[in-house]
N, C-alpha and C. Protein backbone atom coordinates (compact mmCIF):
# COMPACT_ATOMS: atom_id res chain seq x y z
N MET A 1 150.75 10.48 151.72
CA MET A 1 151.48 10.74 151.18
C MET A 1 151.25 10.81 149.91
N LYS A 2 151.19 12.08 148.68
CA LYS A 2 152.09 10.82 147.38
C LYS A 2 153.36 11.31 147.51
N PRO A 3 154.12 10.52 146.70
CA PRO A 3 155.44 10.57 146.20
C PRO A 3 155.70 12.30 145.80
N VAL A 4 157.19 12.26 146.48
CA VAL A 4 158.01 13.26 145.97
C VAL A 4 159.08 13.82 145.66
N PRO A 5 159.57 14.30 144.43
CA PRO A 5 160.97 14.17 144.07
C PRO A 5 162.01 14.23 144.77
N GLN A 6 162.90 13.38 144.73
CA GLN A 6 164.18 13.78 145.91
C GLN A 6 164.89 15.09 145.34
N ILE A 7 165.23 16.12 145.66
CA ILE A 7 165.80 17.54 145.42
C ILE A 7 167.26 17.33 145.35
N THR A 8 167.37 18.07 144.22
CA THR A 8 169.12 17.55 144.22
C THR A 8 169.95 18.54 143.78
N GLN A 9 171.65 18.83 144.18
CA GLN A 9 172.19 20.48 143.66
C GLN A 9 171.65 20.96 142.14
N LEU A 10 171.33 19.69 141.65
CA LEU A 10 171.21 19.86 140.02
C LEU A 10 169.97 20.42 139.94
N THR A 11 168.84 19.89 140.65
CA THR A 11 167.60 20.04 140.14
C THR A 11 166.89 21.42 141.10
N ARG A 12 167.85 21.47 141.83
CA ARG A 12 167.14 22.24 143.39
C ARG A 12 166.84 23.58 142.68
N PRO A 13 167.25 24.57 141.14
CA PRO A 13 166.67 25.89 141.02
C PRO A 13 165.07 25.93 140.67
N TYR A 14 165.16 24.48 139.26
CA TYR A 14 163.91 24.15 139.44
C TYR A 14 162.62 24.06 140.40
N TRP A 15 163.01 23.40 141.83
CA TRP A 15 161.71 23.58 142.28
C TRP A 15 161.66 24.72 143.29
N ASP A 16 162.74 25.85 143.44
CA ASP A 16 162.80 26.66 144.44
C ASP A 16 161.54 27.54 143.69
N GLY A 17 161.85 27.46 142.61
CA GLY A 17 161.07 28.52 141.60
C GLY A 17 159.56 27.95 141.46
N ALA A 18 159.04 26.94 141.52
CA ALA A 18 157.75 26.26 141.75
C ALA A 18 157.46 26.52 143.70
N ALA A 19 158.57 26.80 143.88
CA ALA A 19 157.90 27.57 145.44
C ALA A 19 157.34 28.59 145.42
N ALA A 20 158.13 28.85 144.44
CA ALA A 20 157.85 30.59 144.61
C ALA A 20 156.73 30.77 143.97
N GLY A 21 155.91 29.54 143.27
CA GLY A 21 155.10 30.51 142.12
C GLY A 21 155.78 30.57 140.58
N GLU A 22 156.93 30.37 140.35
CA GLU A 22 157.34 30.25 139.21
C GLU A 22 157.85 28.65 138.07
N LEU A 23 157.72 29.24 137.04
CA LEU A 23 158.35 27.69 136.54
C LEU A 23 158.85 28.01 135.44
N ARG A 24 160.07 26.86 136.15
CA ARG A 24 161.35 27.68 135.15
C ARG A 24 162.06 26.41 134.46
N VAL A 25 162.79 26.71 133.31
CA VAL A 25 163.29 26.03 132.45
C VAL A 25 164.85 25.80 132.01
N GLN A 26 165.65 25.16 132.02
CA GLN A 26 166.99 25.53 131.40
C GLN A 26 167.24 26.16 130.46
N ARG A 27 168.34 26.87 130.34
CA ARG A 27 168.23 27.66 128.90
C ARG A 27 169.92 27.22 129.12
N CYS A 28 170.19 26.69 127.84
CA CYS A 28 172.12 27.59 127.22
C CYS A 28 172.41 28.64 126.37
N ALA A 29 173.42 29.11 127.26
CA ALA A 29 174.97 30.24 127.16
C ALA A 29 174.87 30.05 125.65
N LYS A 30 175.38 29.16 124.90
CA LYS A 30 176.00 28.95 124.15
C LYS A 30 175.12 28.63 122.65
N CYS A 31 173.89 28.71 123.05
CA CYS A 31 173.02 27.84 121.70
C CYS A 31 171.61 28.57 121.94
N SER A 32 171.53 28.98 123.14
CA SER A 32 170.15 29.43 123.91
C SER A 32 169.33 28.30 123.46
N GLY A 33 169.11 26.81 123.24
CA GLY A 33 168.33 26.09 123.47
C GLY A 33 167.81 25.91 124.85
N ARG A 34 166.35 25.61 125.03
CA ARG A 34 165.95 25.29 126.27
C ARG A 34 165.04 24.16 126.75
N SER A 35 165.24 23.56 127.58
CA SER A 35 165.00 22.06 128.19
C SER A 35 164.41 22.20 129.32
N LEU A 36 164.02 20.67 129.05
CA LEU A 36 163.14 20.26 130.84
C LEU A 36 163.65 18.49 130.47
N TYR A 37 164.41 18.08 131.37
CA TYR A 37 164.08 18.09 132.94
C TYR A 37 165.90 18.43 133.19
N ALA A 38 166.21 18.73 134.26
CA ALA A 38 167.87 18.74 134.94
C ALA A 38 168.24 18.55 134.02
N ARG A 39 169.83 18.54 134.37
CA ARG A 39 170.73 17.95 133.51
C ARG A 39 172.02 19.13 133.38
N PRO A 40 173.25 18.75 133.60
CA PRO A 40 174.44 19.00 134.04
C PRO A 40 174.98 19.76 131.97
N TRP A 41 174.53 19.51 130.93
CA TRP A 41 174.79 19.95 129.52
C TRP A 41 173.73 20.09 128.96
N CYS A 42 173.96 20.55 127.76
CA CYS A 42 172.46 21.90 126.98
C CYS A 42 172.36 20.03 126.38
N PRO A 43 171.34 19.43 125.94
CA PRO A 43 171.19 18.57 125.71
C PRO A 43 170.93 18.84 123.31
N PHE A 44 170.92 19.84 123.51
CA PHE A 44 171.30 20.48 121.77
C PHE A 44 173.25 20.66 121.16
N CYS A 45 173.22 21.15 122.01
CA CYS A 45 174.77 21.39 121.95
C CYS A 45 176.14 21.04 123.25
N TRP A 46 175.37 20.49 124.10
CA TRP A 46 176.59 19.19 124.93
C TRP A 46 177.35 20.74 125.67
N ALA A 47 177.07 21.98 125.20
CA ALA A 47 177.72 22.60 126.42
C ALA A 47 176.92 22.56 127.76
N PRO A 48 178.01 23.03 128.50
CA PRO A 48 178.01 22.87 130.27
C PRO A 48 177.14 24.12 130.62
N GLU A 49 177.35 25.08 129.68
CA GLU A 49 176.98 26.54 130.59
C GLU A 49 175.18 26.66 130.61
N LEU A 50 174.56 26.01 131.66
CA LEU A 50 172.75 25.97 131.61
C LEU A 50 172.91 27.16 132.30
N THR A 51 171.80 27.93 132.98
CA THR A 51 171.26 28.70 133.34
C THR A 51 169.52 28.55 133.29
N TRP A 52 168.97 29.03 134.53
CA TRP A 52 167.87 28.75 134.93
C TRP A 52 166.94 29.76 134.55
N GLU A 53 166.07 29.59 133.64
CA GLU A 53 165.03 30.99 133.44
C GLU A 53 163.73 30.98 133.75
N LYS A 54 163.02 31.92 134.25
CA LYS A 54 161.30 31.53 134.57
C LYS A 54 160.76 31.81 133.28
N VAL A 55 159.55 30.42 132.82
CA VAL A 55 158.63 31.06 131.87
C VAL A 55 157.40 31.53 131.53
N SER A 56 156.53 31.43 130.87
CA SER A 56 155.50 31.53 130.91
C SER A 56 154.45 31.17 131.95
N GLY A 57 154.88 29.58 131.90
CA GLY A 57 154.04 28.47 132.29
C GLY A 57 152.51 28.42 131.16
N ARG A 58 152.70 29.17 130.00
CA ARG A 58 151.44 28.11 129.02
C ARG A 58 152.16 27.64 128.34
N GLY A 59 150.73 26.30 127.57
CA GLY A 59 151.03 25.42 126.61
C GLY A 59 150.22 25.15 126.57
N ASP A 60 150.58 23.96 124.83
CA ASP A 60 149.05 23.21 124.79
C ASP A 60 149.36 21.43 124.77
N VAL A 61 148.60 20.97 125.23
CA VAL A 61 148.20 19.81 125.58
C VAL A 61 148.64 18.59 124.38
N ILE A 62 149.74 17.72 124.30
CA ILE A 62 149.87 17.70 122.92
C ILE A 62 149.92 15.51 122.87
N ALA A 63 149.89 15.25 124.53
CA ALA A 63 149.09 14.23 124.67
C ALA A 63 148.54 13.97 126.19
N CYS A 64 147.59 12.99 125.89
CA CYS A 64 146.96 12.91 127.48
C CYS A 64 145.68 11.63 127.25
N THR A 65 146.35 11.09 128.98
CA THR A 65 145.60 9.80 128.75
C THR A 65 144.28 10.22 130.49
N ILE A 66 143.39 9.17 130.81
CA ILE A 66 142.44 9.40 131.81
C ILE A 66 143.30 8.16 132.80
N VAL A 67 144.07 8.63 134.04
CA VAL A 67 144.28 7.65 134.79
C VAL A 67 143.08 7.26 135.63
N THR A 68 142.99 5.76 135.36
CA THR A 68 141.50 4.98 136.10
C THR A 68 142.11 3.82 137.15
N GLN A 69 143.87 3.61 137.16
CA GLN A 69 143.86 2.75 137.90
C GLN A 69 145.40 3.49 139.46
N ALA A 70 144.85 3.57 140.74
CA ALA A 70 146.10 4.27 141.32
C ALA A 70 147.20 3.71 141.24
N PRO A 71 148.53 4.58 140.84
CA PRO A 71 149.84 3.92 141.28
C PRO A 71 150.19 3.37 142.24
N TYR A 72 149.64 4.65 143.25
CA TYR A 72 150.17 4.39 145.06
C TYR A 72 148.18 4.44 145.44
N GLU A 73 148.92 3.92 146.74
CA GLU A 73 147.59 3.78 147.60
C GLU A 73 147.28 5.08 147.90
N SER A 74 148.27 6.25 147.75
CA SER A 74 148.18 7.87 148.07
C SER A 74 147.32 8.57 147.14
N TYR A 75 147.01 8.54 145.66
CA TYR A 75 146.35 8.56 144.73
C TYR A 75 144.89 7.70 144.56
N ALA A 76 144.41 6.58 145.30
CA ALA A 76 143.53 6.91 145.31
C ALA A 76 142.23 7.01 145.88
N ARG A 77 142.14 8.57 146.07
CA ARG A 77 141.03 8.92 146.88
C ARG A 77 141.04 10.42 145.62
N ASP A 78 142.22 9.81 144.88
CA ASP A 78 141.77 10.45 143.68
C ASP A 78 141.04 10.43 142.31
N GLY A 79 140.43 9.30 142.47
CA GLY A 79 139.69 8.13 141.54
C GLY A 79 140.81 9.00 140.25
N ARG A 80 139.35 8.79 139.20
CA ARG A 80 139.93 9.12 138.35
C ARG A 80 140.58 10.76 138.06
N TYR A 81 141.78 10.62 137.18
CA TYR A 81 142.30 11.83 136.96
C TYR A 81 143.16 11.94 135.31
N ALA A 82 143.49 13.12 135.46
CA ALA A 82 143.80 13.86 133.85
C ALA A 82 145.78 13.43 133.83
N ILE A 83 146.63 13.13 132.90
CA ILE A 83 147.77 12.84 132.88
C ILE A 83 148.02 13.52 131.73
N ALA A 84 148.52 14.27 130.91
CA ALA A 84 149.26 15.06 130.01
C ALA A 84 150.39 15.21 129.64
N ILE A 85 150.88 15.50 128.82
CA ILE A 85 152.18 16.12 128.19
C ILE A 85 151.94 17.83 127.50
N ILE A 86 152.84 18.09 127.84
CA ILE A 86 152.39 20.07 127.93
C ILE A 86 153.39 20.62 126.94
N LYS A 87 153.32 20.78 125.52
CA LYS A 87 153.80 21.77 125.25
C LYS A 87 154.43 23.25 125.70
N LEU A 88 155.25 23.60 126.45
CA LEU A 88 155.29 25.06 126.49
C LEU A 88 155.59 25.91 125.64
N GLU A 89 155.12 26.81 125.72
CA GLU A 89 155.30 28.28 124.23
C GLU A 89 156.73 28.01 123.99
N GLU A 90 157.17 27.75 125.41
CA GLU A 90 159.30 28.66 124.68
C GLU A 90 160.09 27.13 124.36
N GLY A 91 158.79 25.98 123.96
CA GLY A 91 159.43 24.97 123.78
C GLY A 91 159.24 23.59 124.43
N PRO A 92 160.43 23.56 125.83
CA PRO A 92 160.18 22.11 126.02
C PRO A 92 158.86 21.56 126.50
N GLN A 93 159.15 20.49 126.38
CA GLN A 93 157.50 19.29 126.67
C GLN A 93 157.99 18.84 128.33
N MET A 94 157.01 18.67 129.01
CA MET A 94 156.97 18.17 130.45
C MET A 94 155.74 17.72 131.16
N MET A 95 155.61 16.69 131.95
CA MET A 95 154.59 15.55 131.97
C MET A 95 153.73 16.34 132.76
N ALA A 96 152.46 16.67 133.10
CA ALA A 96 151.99 17.21 135.03
C ALA A 96 150.55 16.62 134.36
N ASN A 97 149.59 16.65 135.72
CA ASN A 97 148.70 16.34 135.94
C ASN A 97 147.53 17.74 135.36
N ILE A 98 146.16 17.28 134.58
CA ILE A 98 145.53 18.60 134.51
C ILE A 98 144.11 18.33 135.79
N VAL A 99 143.84 19.86 135.71
CA VAL A 99 143.46 20.18 136.71
C VAL A 99 142.32 20.92 136.60
N ASN A 100 141.43 20.96 137.42
CA ASN A 100 140.08 22.21 137.46
C ASN A 100 139.24 22.45 136.49
N CYS A 101 139.56 20.56 135.61
CA CYS A 101 138.87 20.48 134.36
C CYS A 101 137.61 18.96 134.25
N PRO A 102 136.98 19.05 133.91
CA PRO A 102 136.33 17.78 134.21
C PRO A 102 137.21 16.59 132.90
N LEU A 103 136.78 15.81 133.23
CA LEU A 103 137.63 14.50 132.55
C LEU A 103 137.41 14.39 131.22
N GLU A 104 136.31 14.80 130.81
CA GLU A 104 135.72 15.09 129.48
C GLU A 104 136.11 16.12 128.42
N LYS A 105 136.42 16.70 129.15
CA LYS A 105 136.66 17.75 128.50
C LYS A 105 138.82 18.15 128.15
N VAL A 106 139.06 17.38 128.78
CA VAL A 106 140.62 17.29 128.34
C VAL A 106 140.62 16.75 127.26
N LYS A 107 141.91 17.80 126.30
CA LYS A 107 141.82 17.22 124.63
C LYS A 107 143.07 17.36 124.47
N VAL A 108 143.81 16.87 123.49
CA VAL A 108 144.92 17.24 122.78
C VAL A 108 144.33 18.55 122.35
N GLY A 109 145.46 19.23 121.99
CA GLY A 109 145.40 20.77 121.49
C GLY A 109 144.72 21.98 122.95
N MET A 110 144.37 21.09 123.58
CA MET A 110 143.74 22.35 124.62
C MET A 110 144.79 23.32 124.96
N LYS A 111 144.43 24.28 124.99
CA LYS A 111 145.41 25.11 126.41
C LYS A 111 145.56 25.38 127.85
N VAL A 112 146.59 25.48 127.91
CA VAL A 112 146.89 25.34 129.52
C VAL A 112 147.35 26.11 130.32
N GLY A 113 147.82 26.01 131.42
CA GLY A 113 148.21 27.04 132.26
C GLY A 113 148.52 26.55 133.37
N VAL A 114 149.89 27.09 133.63
CA VAL A 114 150.33 26.41 134.77
C VAL A 114 150.09 26.80 136.63
N VAL A 115 150.04 25.87 137.02
CA VAL A 115 149.06 26.13 138.70
C VAL A 115 150.01 25.53 139.59
N PHE A 116 150.20 26.00 140.74
CA PHE A 116 150.85 24.80 141.57
C PHE A 116 150.56 24.14 142.68
N GLU A 117 150.75 23.19 142.85
CA GLU A 117 149.95 22.41 144.71
C GLU A 117 151.76 21.90 145.19
N LYS A 118 150.80 21.86 146.55
CA LYS A 118 150.98 22.21 147.74
C LYS A 118 151.22 20.52 147.87
N ARG A 119 152.97 19.61 147.83
CA ARG A 119 152.78 18.07 148.26
C ARG A 119 153.71 18.54 149.52
N GLY A 120 153.12 18.41 151.23
CA GLY A 120 154.13 18.89 152.34
C GLY A 120 154.82 19.53 151.82
N ASP A 121 156.33 19.53 151.95
CA ASP A 121 157.74 20.55 151.30
C ASP A 121 157.74 20.90 150.39
N ILE A 122 157.37 20.52 149.10
CA ILE A 122 157.12 20.66 147.85
C ILE A 122 156.11 21.44 147.38
N THR A 123 156.49 21.92 145.94
CA THR A 123 155.70 22.35 145.36
C THR A 123 155.88 22.09 143.94
N VAL A 124 154.41 21.48 143.34
CA VAL A 124 154.36 20.42 142.16
C VAL A 124 153.38 21.22 141.23
N PRO A 125 154.73 21.50 140.14
CA PRO A 125 153.73 21.98 139.02
C PRO A 125 152.42 21.55 138.23
N GLN A 126 151.32 21.63 138.50
CA GLN A 126 150.44 20.69 137.61
C GLN A 126 149.69 22.31 136.53
N PHE A 127 148.62 21.87 135.83
CA PHE A 127 148.17 22.74 134.72
C PHE A 127 146.81 22.67 134.43
N ALA A 128 146.11 24.08 134.07
CA ALA A 128 144.62 23.92 134.15
C ALA A 128 144.44 24.36 132.99
N PRO A 129 142.73 24.36 132.71
CA PRO A 129 142.69 25.33 131.26
C PRO A 129 142.64 26.73 131.33
N LEU A 130 143.14 27.19 130.46
CA LEU A 130 143.22 28.83 130.16
C LEU A 130 141.74 29.03 129.68
């Protein structure tokens, strides 16, 4: 089985959202800044008043690469695959696989939307072309 993240009290709303088919980011009640990854304070103004909100799940590829050597044995059967940094329409950036797309078509500037992959008891956000 592919590695899965450990769910903590801080990250649970993110993973619960993914299980429900929602991509969620944190939003600061003080400055309205949106951020990913989960943290206990706002990275913009340091306020501790963060809530989770559902976002569109749409974004643009701002960097990408094709992985040719499996990082773990559990990835070996995937062969080559694409991984990218996605800038979400709402601002935050995240890293995820690009799926349902020929590898030669993955490129910077590509419009993508979130899809979800079930891995055991957890659901992982991935992205596919729009």
